[in-house]
N, C-alpha and C. Protein backbone atom coordinates (compact mmCIF):
# COMPACT_ATOMS: atom_id res chain seq x y z
N MET A 1 -15.64 12.58 -18.38
CA MET A 1 -15.60 13.44 -17.22
C MET A 1 -14.17 13.49 -16.68
N GLU A 2 -13.69 14.68 -16.47
CA GLU A 2 -12.34 14.86 -15.97
C GLU A 2 -12.29 14.56 -14.47
N GLN A 3 -11.25 13.81 -14.08
CA GLN A 3 -11.10 13.47 -12.68
C GLN A 3 -10.33 14.58 -11.96
N LEU A 4 -10.79 14.96 -10.79
CA LEU A 4 -10.14 15.99 -10.00
C LEU A 4 -8.91 15.40 -9.32
N ASN A 5 -7.77 16.04 -9.51
CA ASN A 5 -6.55 15.60 -8.85
C ASN A 5 -6.40 16.40 -7.56
N ILE A 6 -6.67 15.76 -6.45
CA ILE A 6 -6.60 16.46 -5.16
C ILE A 6 -5.18 16.54 -4.63
N TYR A 7 -4.26 15.76 -5.21
CA TYR A 7 -2.87 15.75 -4.75
C TYR A 7 -2.05 16.62 -5.69
N THR A 8 -2.09 17.92 -5.47
CA THR A 8 -1.44 18.86 -6.36
C THR A 8 -0.07 19.28 -5.87
N HIS A 9 0.34 18.78 -4.73
CA HIS A 9 1.61 19.21 -4.16
C HIS A 9 2.56 18.02 -3.98
N PRO A 10 3.43 17.75 -4.98
CA PRO A 10 4.45 16.73 -4.72
C PRO A 10 5.32 17.21 -3.56
N VAL A 11 5.73 16.29 -2.73
CA VAL A 11 6.53 16.63 -1.56
C VAL A 11 7.96 16.16 -1.84
N PRO A 12 8.94 17.09 -1.84
CA PRO A 12 10.30 16.70 -2.20
C PRO A 12 10.97 15.77 -1.19
N THR A 13 10.60 15.87 0.07
CA THR A 13 11.15 14.97 1.08
C THR A 13 10.01 14.38 1.89
N ALA A 14 10.21 13.18 2.32
CA ALA A 14 9.19 12.49 3.13
C ALA A 14 9.06 13.17 4.48
N PRO A 15 7.88 13.10 5.07
CA PRO A 15 7.76 13.58 6.45
C PRO A 15 8.71 12.78 7.34
N THR A 16 9.19 13.39 8.39
CA THR A 16 10.08 12.67 9.31
C THR A 16 9.27 11.63 10.08
N ASN A 17 9.98 10.70 10.69
CA ASN A 17 9.31 9.70 11.53
C ASN A 17 8.54 10.37 12.66
N GLU A 18 9.09 11.45 13.20
CA GLU A 18 8.41 12.17 14.28
C GLU A 18 7.11 12.79 13.77
N GLU A 19 7.14 13.37 12.56
CA GLU A 19 5.93 13.95 11.98
C GLU A 19 4.89 12.88 11.69
N LEU A 20 5.35 11.73 11.17
CA LEU A 20 4.42 10.63 10.89
C LEU A 20 3.80 10.10 12.17
N ARG A 21 4.62 9.94 13.21
CA ARG A 21 4.10 9.45 14.49
C ARG A 21 3.07 10.43 15.06
N ALA A 22 3.34 11.73 14.96
CA ALA A 22 2.40 12.73 15.46
C ALA A 22 1.09 12.68 14.68
N MET A 23 1.17 12.46 13.37
CA MET A 23 -0.04 12.42 12.55
C MET A 23 -0.82 11.12 12.75
N LEU A 24 -0.12 9.99 12.77
CA LEU A 24 -0.79 8.68 12.81
C LEU A 24 -1.12 8.21 14.22
N GLY A 25 -0.35 8.62 15.19
CA GLY A 25 -0.58 8.16 16.55
C GLY A 25 0.18 6.88 16.85
N ASP A 26 0.13 6.49 18.10
CA ASP A 26 0.92 5.34 18.56
C ASP A 26 0.42 4.00 18.06
N ARG A 27 -0.83 3.91 17.59
CA ARG A 27 -1.35 2.63 17.08
C ARG A 27 -1.09 2.48 15.59
N ALA A 28 -1.37 3.51 14.80
CA ALA A 28 -1.25 3.39 13.34
C ALA A 28 0.19 3.57 12.86
N TYR A 29 0.99 4.36 13.57
CA TYR A 29 2.37 4.59 13.13
C TYR A 29 3.17 3.29 12.98
N PRO A 30 3.15 2.36 13.97
CA PRO A 30 3.92 1.12 13.80
C PRO A 30 3.48 0.31 12.57
N ALA A 31 2.20 0.34 12.25
CA ALA A 31 1.72 -0.38 11.07
C ALA A 31 2.24 0.27 9.79
N CYS A 32 2.21 1.58 9.74
CA CYS A 32 2.73 2.31 8.59
C CYS A 32 4.23 2.03 8.43
N LYS A 33 4.95 2.09 9.52
CA LYS A 33 6.39 1.81 9.49
C LYS A 33 6.65 0.38 9.03
N ALA A 34 5.83 -0.57 9.48
CA ALA A 34 6.00 -1.96 9.08
C ALA A 34 5.80 -2.14 7.57
N VAL A 35 4.81 -1.46 7.00
CA VAL A 35 4.59 -1.55 5.55
C VAL A 35 5.78 -0.95 4.80
N ARG A 36 6.22 0.23 5.22
CA ARG A 36 7.36 0.86 4.56
C ARG A 36 8.60 0.00 4.69
N ASP A 37 8.86 -0.53 5.88
CA ASP A 37 10.02 -1.40 6.09
C ASP A 37 9.93 -2.65 5.23
N PHE A 38 8.76 -3.26 5.17
CA PHE A 38 8.54 -4.47 4.36
C PHE A 38 8.85 -4.18 2.89
N CYS A 39 8.30 -3.09 2.38
CA CYS A 39 8.51 -2.76 0.96
C CYS A 39 9.98 -2.53 0.65
N HIS A 40 10.67 -1.78 1.50
CA HIS A 40 12.08 -1.47 1.24
C HIS A 40 13.00 -2.65 1.51
N ALA A 41 12.65 -3.49 2.47
CA ALA A 41 13.49 -4.65 2.78
C ALA A 41 13.39 -5.72 1.70
N ASN A 42 12.24 -5.81 1.04
CA ASN A 42 12.02 -6.89 0.09
C ASN A 42 12.17 -6.51 -1.37
N TYR A 43 12.07 -5.23 -1.69
CA TYR A 43 12.10 -4.80 -3.09
C TYR A 43 12.86 -3.48 -3.21
N ALA A 44 13.45 -3.26 -4.37
CA ALA A 44 14.14 -1.99 -4.64
C ALA A 44 13.08 -0.99 -5.10
N LEU A 45 12.57 -0.21 -4.17
CA LEU A 45 11.48 0.71 -4.46
C LEU A 45 11.85 2.14 -4.07
N GLU A 46 11.22 3.07 -4.76
CA GLU A 46 11.35 4.48 -4.46
C GLU A 46 10.03 4.96 -3.87
N GLU A 47 10.12 5.77 -2.83
CA GLU A 47 8.92 6.40 -2.27
C GLU A 47 8.71 7.74 -2.96
N ARG A 48 7.48 7.99 -3.37
CA ARG A 48 7.10 9.30 -3.91
C ARG A 48 5.97 9.82 -3.02
N TRP A 49 6.17 11.01 -2.50
CA TRP A 49 5.22 11.59 -1.55
C TRP A 49 4.43 12.72 -2.19
N ARG A 50 3.15 12.82 -1.81
CA ARG A 50 2.27 13.92 -2.24
C ARG A 50 1.47 14.39 -1.03
N TYR A 51 1.01 15.62 -1.12
CA TYR A 51 0.19 16.18 -0.05
C TYR A 51 -1.08 16.77 -0.65
N SER A 52 -2.20 16.59 0.05
CA SER A 52 -3.49 17.15 -0.38
C SER A 52 -3.96 18.18 0.63
N ASP A 53 -4.09 19.42 0.17
CA ASP A 53 -4.70 20.46 1.02
C ASP A 53 -6.16 20.12 1.29
N THR A 54 -6.83 19.58 0.28
CA THR A 54 -8.26 19.28 0.38
C THR A 54 -8.56 18.31 1.51
N HIS A 55 -7.75 17.26 1.62
CA HIS A 55 -7.99 16.23 2.63
C HIS A 55 -7.02 16.30 3.81
N ASP A 56 -6.10 17.26 3.79
CA ASP A 56 -5.06 17.35 4.81
C ASP A 56 -4.46 15.97 5.04
N ALA A 57 -3.98 15.37 3.94
CA ALA A 57 -3.48 14.00 3.97
C ALA A 57 -2.24 13.88 3.12
N PHE A 58 -1.41 12.91 3.46
CA PHE A 58 -0.24 12.57 2.66
C PHE A 58 -0.51 11.26 1.93
N ASP A 59 0.12 11.12 0.78
CA ASP A 59 0.17 9.86 0.04
C ASP A 59 1.63 9.45 -0.05
N CYS A 60 1.90 8.19 0.19
CA CYS A 60 3.22 7.62 -0.02
C CYS A 60 3.05 6.53 -1.06
N LEU A 61 3.63 6.72 -2.24
CA LEU A 61 3.50 5.77 -3.34
C LEU A 61 4.82 5.03 -3.52
N PHE A 62 4.75 3.73 -3.69
CA PHE A 62 5.95 2.90 -3.85
C PHE A 62 6.09 2.51 -5.31
N PHE A 63 7.20 2.95 -5.93
CA PHE A 63 7.45 2.70 -7.34
C PHE A 63 8.77 1.97 -7.55
N ALA A 64 8.79 1.14 -8.58
CA ALA A 64 10.01 0.59 -9.17
C ALA A 64 9.99 1.08 -10.60
N GLY A 65 10.77 2.11 -10.90
CA GLY A 65 10.66 2.76 -12.20
C GLY A 65 9.29 3.42 -12.29
N GLU A 66 8.51 3.03 -13.30
CA GLU A 66 7.15 3.56 -13.43
C GLU A 66 6.09 2.55 -12.99
N LYS A 67 6.51 1.45 -12.40
CA LYS A 67 5.58 0.43 -11.90
C LYS A 67 5.26 0.72 -10.45
N ARG A 68 3.97 0.93 -10.16
CA ARG A 68 3.56 1.22 -8.78
C ARG A 68 3.13 -0.06 -8.09
N LEU A 69 3.77 -0.36 -6.96
CA LEU A 69 3.38 -1.52 -6.16
C LEU A 69 2.14 -1.20 -5.33
N CYS A 70 2.19 -0.13 -4.58
CA CYS A 70 1.06 0.21 -3.71
C CYS A 70 1.18 1.66 -3.30
N SER A 71 0.16 2.12 -2.61
CA SER A 71 0.22 3.47 -2.05
C SER A 71 -0.40 3.46 -0.66
N LEU A 72 0.10 4.34 0.16
CA LEU A 72 -0.43 4.54 1.51
C LEU A 72 -1.06 5.92 1.55
N HIS A 73 -2.27 6.00 2.05
CA HIS A 73 -2.98 7.27 2.20
C HIS A 73 -3.05 7.54 3.70
N LEU A 74 -2.26 8.49 4.16
CA LEU A 74 -2.11 8.76 5.59
C LEU A 74 -2.99 9.91 6.03
N LEU A 75 -3.84 9.62 6.98
CA LEU A 75 -4.74 10.61 7.57
C LEU A 75 -4.47 10.69 9.06
N GLU A 76 -5.14 11.56 9.73
CA GLU A 76 -4.97 11.70 11.17
C GLU A 76 -5.42 10.43 11.89
N GLY A 77 -4.47 9.71 12.53
CA GLY A 77 -4.80 8.55 13.34
C GLY A 77 -5.02 7.25 12.60
N THR A 78 -4.93 7.25 11.27
CA THR A 78 -5.17 6.03 10.51
C THR A 78 -4.52 6.16 9.13
N PHE A 79 -4.44 5.06 8.41
CA PHE A 79 -4.02 5.13 7.02
C PHE A 79 -4.64 3.98 6.26
N LEU A 80 -4.62 4.14 4.96
CA LEU A 80 -5.21 3.15 4.07
C LEU A 80 -4.11 2.68 3.13
N ILE A 81 -4.01 1.37 2.93
CA ILE A 81 -3.10 0.84 1.92
C ILE A 81 -3.95 0.46 0.72
N LEU A 82 -3.48 0.85 -0.46
CA LEU A 82 -4.21 0.61 -1.70
C LEU A 82 -3.30 -0.07 -2.70
N LEU A 83 -3.78 -1.19 -3.23
CA LEU A 83 -3.12 -1.87 -4.34
C LEU A 83 -4.10 -1.86 -5.51
N LEU A 84 -3.70 -1.28 -6.62
CA LEU A 84 -4.53 -1.31 -7.82
C LEU A 84 -4.16 -2.57 -8.59
N LEU A 85 -5.12 -3.47 -8.71
CA LEU A 85 -4.90 -4.76 -9.38
C LEU A 85 -5.53 -4.72 -10.77
N ASN A 86 -4.68 -4.92 -11.80
CA ASN A 86 -5.23 -4.95 -13.15
C ASN A 86 -5.90 -6.30 -13.41
N GLU A 87 -6.42 -6.48 -14.60
CA GLU A 87 -7.18 -7.69 -14.92
C GLU A 87 -6.35 -8.96 -14.72
N ASN A 88 -5.09 -8.96 -15.16
CA ASN A 88 -4.22 -10.13 -15.00
C ASN A 88 -3.93 -10.41 -13.53
N GLU A 89 -3.71 -9.35 -12.75
CA GLU A 89 -3.44 -9.52 -11.33
C GLU A 89 -4.67 -10.03 -10.58
N CYS A 90 -5.84 -9.55 -10.99
CA CYS A 90 -7.09 -10.05 -10.39
C CYS A 90 -7.27 -11.53 -10.69
N GLU A 91 -6.99 -11.92 -11.92
CA GLU A 91 -7.13 -13.33 -12.30
C GLU A 91 -6.15 -14.19 -11.52
N ALA A 92 -4.92 -13.72 -11.34
CA ALA A 92 -3.93 -14.46 -10.55
C ALA A 92 -4.41 -14.60 -9.11
N PHE A 93 -4.99 -13.54 -8.55
CA PHE A 93 -5.52 -13.61 -7.19
C PHE A 93 -6.61 -14.68 -7.11
N ARG A 94 -7.53 -14.67 -8.08
CA ARG A 94 -8.62 -15.65 -8.07
C ARG A 94 -8.08 -17.08 -8.17
N GLN A 95 -7.08 -17.29 -9.02
CA GLN A 95 -6.51 -18.62 -9.19
C GLN A 95 -5.80 -19.11 -7.94
N ARG A 96 -5.27 -18.20 -7.15
CA ARG A 96 -4.53 -18.57 -5.94
C ARG A 96 -5.31 -18.24 -4.67
N ALA A 97 -6.59 -18.02 -4.80
CA ALA A 97 -7.41 -17.53 -3.68
C ALA A 97 -7.25 -18.35 -2.42
N GLU A 98 -7.12 -19.67 -2.55
CA GLU A 98 -7.02 -20.52 -1.36
C GLU A 98 -5.74 -20.26 -0.57
N LYS A 99 -4.75 -19.63 -1.18
CA LYS A 99 -3.50 -19.33 -0.49
C LYS A 99 -3.59 -18.06 0.36
N PHE A 100 -4.67 -17.30 0.18
CA PHE A 100 -4.84 -16.05 0.91
C PHE A 100 -5.80 -16.26 2.08
N SER A 101 -5.67 -15.41 3.08
CA SER A 101 -6.54 -15.49 4.25
C SER A 101 -7.97 -15.13 3.86
N GLN A 102 -8.89 -15.52 4.72
CA GLN A 102 -10.30 -15.18 4.51
C GLN A 102 -10.48 -13.66 4.44
N ALA A 103 -9.78 -12.94 5.29
CA ALA A 103 -9.88 -11.47 5.28
C ALA A 103 -9.38 -10.90 3.96
N SER A 104 -8.29 -11.44 3.42
CA SER A 104 -7.78 -10.98 2.12
C SER A 104 -8.80 -11.21 1.02
N ARG A 105 -9.42 -12.38 1.04
CA ARG A 105 -10.44 -12.68 0.02
C ARG A 105 -11.64 -11.74 0.16
N GLU A 106 -12.01 -11.41 1.39
CA GLU A 106 -13.12 -10.48 1.60
C GLU A 106 -12.77 -9.07 1.11
N HIS A 107 -11.54 -8.63 1.37
CA HIS A 107 -11.10 -7.32 0.86
C HIS A 107 -11.12 -7.32 -0.67
N PHE A 108 -10.71 -8.43 -1.27
CA PHE A 108 -10.71 -8.52 -2.74
C PHE A 108 -12.13 -8.44 -3.28
N ARG A 109 -13.04 -9.19 -2.66
CA ARG A 109 -14.45 -9.15 -3.11
C ARG A 109 -15.06 -7.76 -2.96
N ALA A 110 -14.66 -7.05 -1.93
CA ALA A 110 -15.21 -5.72 -1.67
C ALA A 110 -14.53 -4.62 -2.50
N ALA A 111 -13.46 -4.98 -3.19
CA ALA A 111 -12.70 -3.98 -3.95
C ALA A 111 -13.55 -3.34 -5.04
N GLY A 112 -13.55 -2.03 -5.05
CA GLY A 112 -14.25 -1.30 -6.10
C GLY A 112 -13.42 -1.27 -7.37
N THR A 113 -14.07 -0.97 -8.47
CA THR A 113 -13.35 -0.87 -9.74
C THR A 113 -13.00 0.58 -10.02
N MET A 114 -11.83 0.74 -10.59
CA MET A 114 -11.32 2.05 -11.00
C MET A 114 -10.81 1.88 -12.43
N GLY A 115 -11.65 2.17 -13.39
CA GLY A 115 -11.28 1.90 -14.78
C GLY A 115 -11.22 0.40 -14.98
N ASP A 116 -10.07 -0.09 -15.44
CA ASP A 116 -9.92 -1.53 -15.64
C ASP A 116 -9.19 -2.19 -14.47
N CYS A 117 -9.11 -1.51 -13.34
CA CYS A 117 -8.44 -2.04 -12.15
C CYS A 117 -9.43 -2.21 -11.00
N ARG A 118 -9.03 -3.06 -10.07
CA ARG A 118 -9.76 -3.17 -8.80
C ARG A 118 -8.89 -2.54 -7.72
N GLY A 119 -9.53 -1.82 -6.83
CA GLY A 119 -8.81 -1.16 -5.75
C GLY A 119 -8.87 -1.99 -4.48
N PHE A 120 -7.86 -2.84 -4.27
CA PHE A 120 -7.75 -3.64 -3.05
C PHE A 120 -7.25 -2.70 -1.97
N LYS A 121 -8.12 -2.38 -1.02
CA LYS A 121 -7.71 -1.43 0.01
C LYS A 121 -8.09 -1.93 1.40
N VAL A 122 -7.23 -1.57 2.33
CA VAL A 122 -7.43 -1.96 3.72
C VAL A 122 -7.11 -0.74 4.58
N VAL A 123 -8.05 -0.38 5.44
CA VAL A 123 -7.83 0.71 6.40
C VAL A 123 -7.12 0.11 7.61
N LEU A 124 -6.04 0.75 8.02
CA LEU A 124 -5.25 0.24 9.13
C LEU A 124 -5.18 1.27 10.25
N GLU A 125 -5.56 0.84 11.42
CA GLU A 125 -5.39 1.67 12.61
C GLU A 125 -4.36 1.05 13.53
N ASP A 126 -3.95 -0.18 13.22
CA ASP A 126 -2.89 -0.86 13.94
C ASP A 126 -2.32 -1.93 13.00
N ALA A 127 -1.37 -2.73 13.49
CA ALA A 127 -0.66 -3.68 12.64
C ALA A 127 -1.39 -5.01 12.44
N SER A 128 -2.49 -5.24 13.11
CA SER A 128 -3.12 -6.57 13.06
C SER A 128 -3.51 -7.03 11.65
N PRO A 129 -4.00 -6.17 10.74
CA PRO A 129 -4.38 -6.69 9.41
C PRO A 129 -3.21 -6.92 8.45
N LEU A 130 -1.98 -6.61 8.85
CA LEU A 130 -0.87 -6.70 7.91
C LEU A 130 -0.62 -8.11 7.40
N GLU A 131 -0.90 -9.12 8.21
CA GLU A 131 -0.70 -10.49 7.74
C GLU A 131 -1.63 -10.82 6.58
N ASP A 132 -2.71 -10.05 6.42
CA ASP A 132 -3.61 -10.23 5.29
C ASP A 132 -3.15 -9.42 4.08
N VAL A 133 -2.37 -8.38 4.31
CA VAL A 133 -1.95 -7.48 3.23
C VAL A 133 -0.65 -7.95 2.57
N PHE A 134 0.33 -8.39 3.36
CA PHE A 134 1.64 -8.73 2.81
C PHE A 134 1.59 -9.80 1.72
N PRO A 135 0.80 -10.86 1.84
CA PRO A 135 0.76 -11.84 0.74
C PRO A 135 0.24 -11.24 -0.57
N VAL A 136 -0.68 -10.31 -0.50
CA VAL A 136 -1.20 -9.67 -1.71
C VAL A 136 -0.13 -8.74 -2.29
N LEU A 137 0.61 -8.06 -1.43
CA LEU A 137 1.74 -7.25 -1.89
C LEU A 137 2.77 -8.11 -2.62
N ARG A 138 3.07 -9.29 -2.06
CA ARG A 138 4.03 -10.19 -2.70
C ARG A 138 3.54 -10.65 -4.06
N LEU A 139 2.24 -10.97 -4.17
CA LEU A 139 1.67 -11.40 -5.45
C LEU A 139 1.80 -10.28 -6.48
N LYS A 140 1.41 -9.08 -6.11
CA LYS A 140 1.50 -7.96 -7.05
C LYS A 140 2.94 -7.72 -7.47
N ALA A 141 3.87 -7.75 -6.52
CA ALA A 141 5.29 -7.55 -6.84
C ALA A 141 5.78 -8.62 -7.82
N GLU A 142 5.39 -9.85 -7.57
CA GLU A 142 5.78 -10.95 -8.46
C GLU A 142 5.25 -10.70 -9.88
N LEU A 143 4.00 -10.32 -9.99
CA LEU A 143 3.38 -10.10 -11.30
C LEU A 143 3.92 -8.85 -11.99
N LEU A 144 4.41 -7.89 -11.22
CA LEU A 144 5.05 -6.71 -11.81
C LEU A 144 6.48 -7.02 -12.26
N GLY A 145 6.98 -8.19 -11.86
CA GLY A 145 8.35 -8.55 -12.21
C GLY A 145 9.39 -7.92 -11.30
N LEU A 146 8.96 -7.51 -10.10
CA LEU A 146 9.91 -6.94 -9.15
C LEU A 146 10.69 -8.07 -8.51
N ASN A 147 11.99 -7.94 -8.51
CA ASN A 147 12.83 -8.96 -7.91
C ASN A 147 12.91 -8.72 -6.42
N ALA A 148 12.63 -9.77 -5.67
CA ALA A 148 12.74 -9.66 -4.22
C ALA A 148 14.20 -9.57 -3.84
N CYS A 149 14.49 -8.84 -2.79
CA CYS A 149 15.85 -8.79 -2.27
C CYS A 149 16.23 -10.19 -1.81
N ALA A 150 17.50 -10.40 -1.54
CA ALA A 150 17.99 -11.73 -1.21
C ALA A 150 17.26 -12.36 -0.04
N GLN A 151 16.91 -11.57 0.95
CA GLN A 151 16.26 -12.12 2.13
C GLN A 151 14.88 -11.48 2.28
N VAL A 152 13.85 -12.29 2.25
CA VAL A 152 12.49 -11.78 2.43
C VAL A 152 12.28 -11.53 3.91
N VAL A 153 11.78 -10.37 4.22
CA VAL A 153 11.58 -9.97 5.61
C VAL A 153 10.09 -9.98 5.92
N GLU A 154 9.74 -10.57 7.03
CA GLU A 154 8.35 -10.59 7.48
C GLU A 154 8.18 -9.60 8.62
N LEU A 155 6.97 -9.24 8.90
CA LEU A 155 6.66 -8.34 10.00
C LEU A 155 7.16 -8.93 11.30
N GLY A 156 7.95 -8.15 12.04
CA GLY A 156 8.39 -8.55 13.36
C GLY A 156 9.47 -9.62 13.38
N LYS A 157 10.10 -9.90 12.25
CA LYS A 157 11.15 -10.93 12.24
C LYS A 157 12.47 -10.34 11.83
């Protein structure tokens, strides 16, 4: 069965901060900015943007070459962060499960499968769940072989 690609419009430039704030609102925008800042401060990543007419939504995908770290699905007033974890990444998560928060482990257990990957996703309406997301981002980056920048930056530091 062919999968429908709803993101048919690559966006040559990212929406401005003002456009993102207007779309996400005062609660979700700081969380989105924190994820983008975290990714760029810690890893050499490129943002690739797409737009969906069908869902009136933007996608922001973070790549190092052809390796995707994560994607943000931005909707009106909220956004979703998605990490596709392959079999090796899932096994690494299971082996290190005690190092992750209870909420991270619950998101992992609830992750649906997409082919041979699990979709670790968290809906964010504010920045509170980010402490559960960043450790999983670091694990995926490590397993992708992404070199962290000299100074690792945490949320709000």
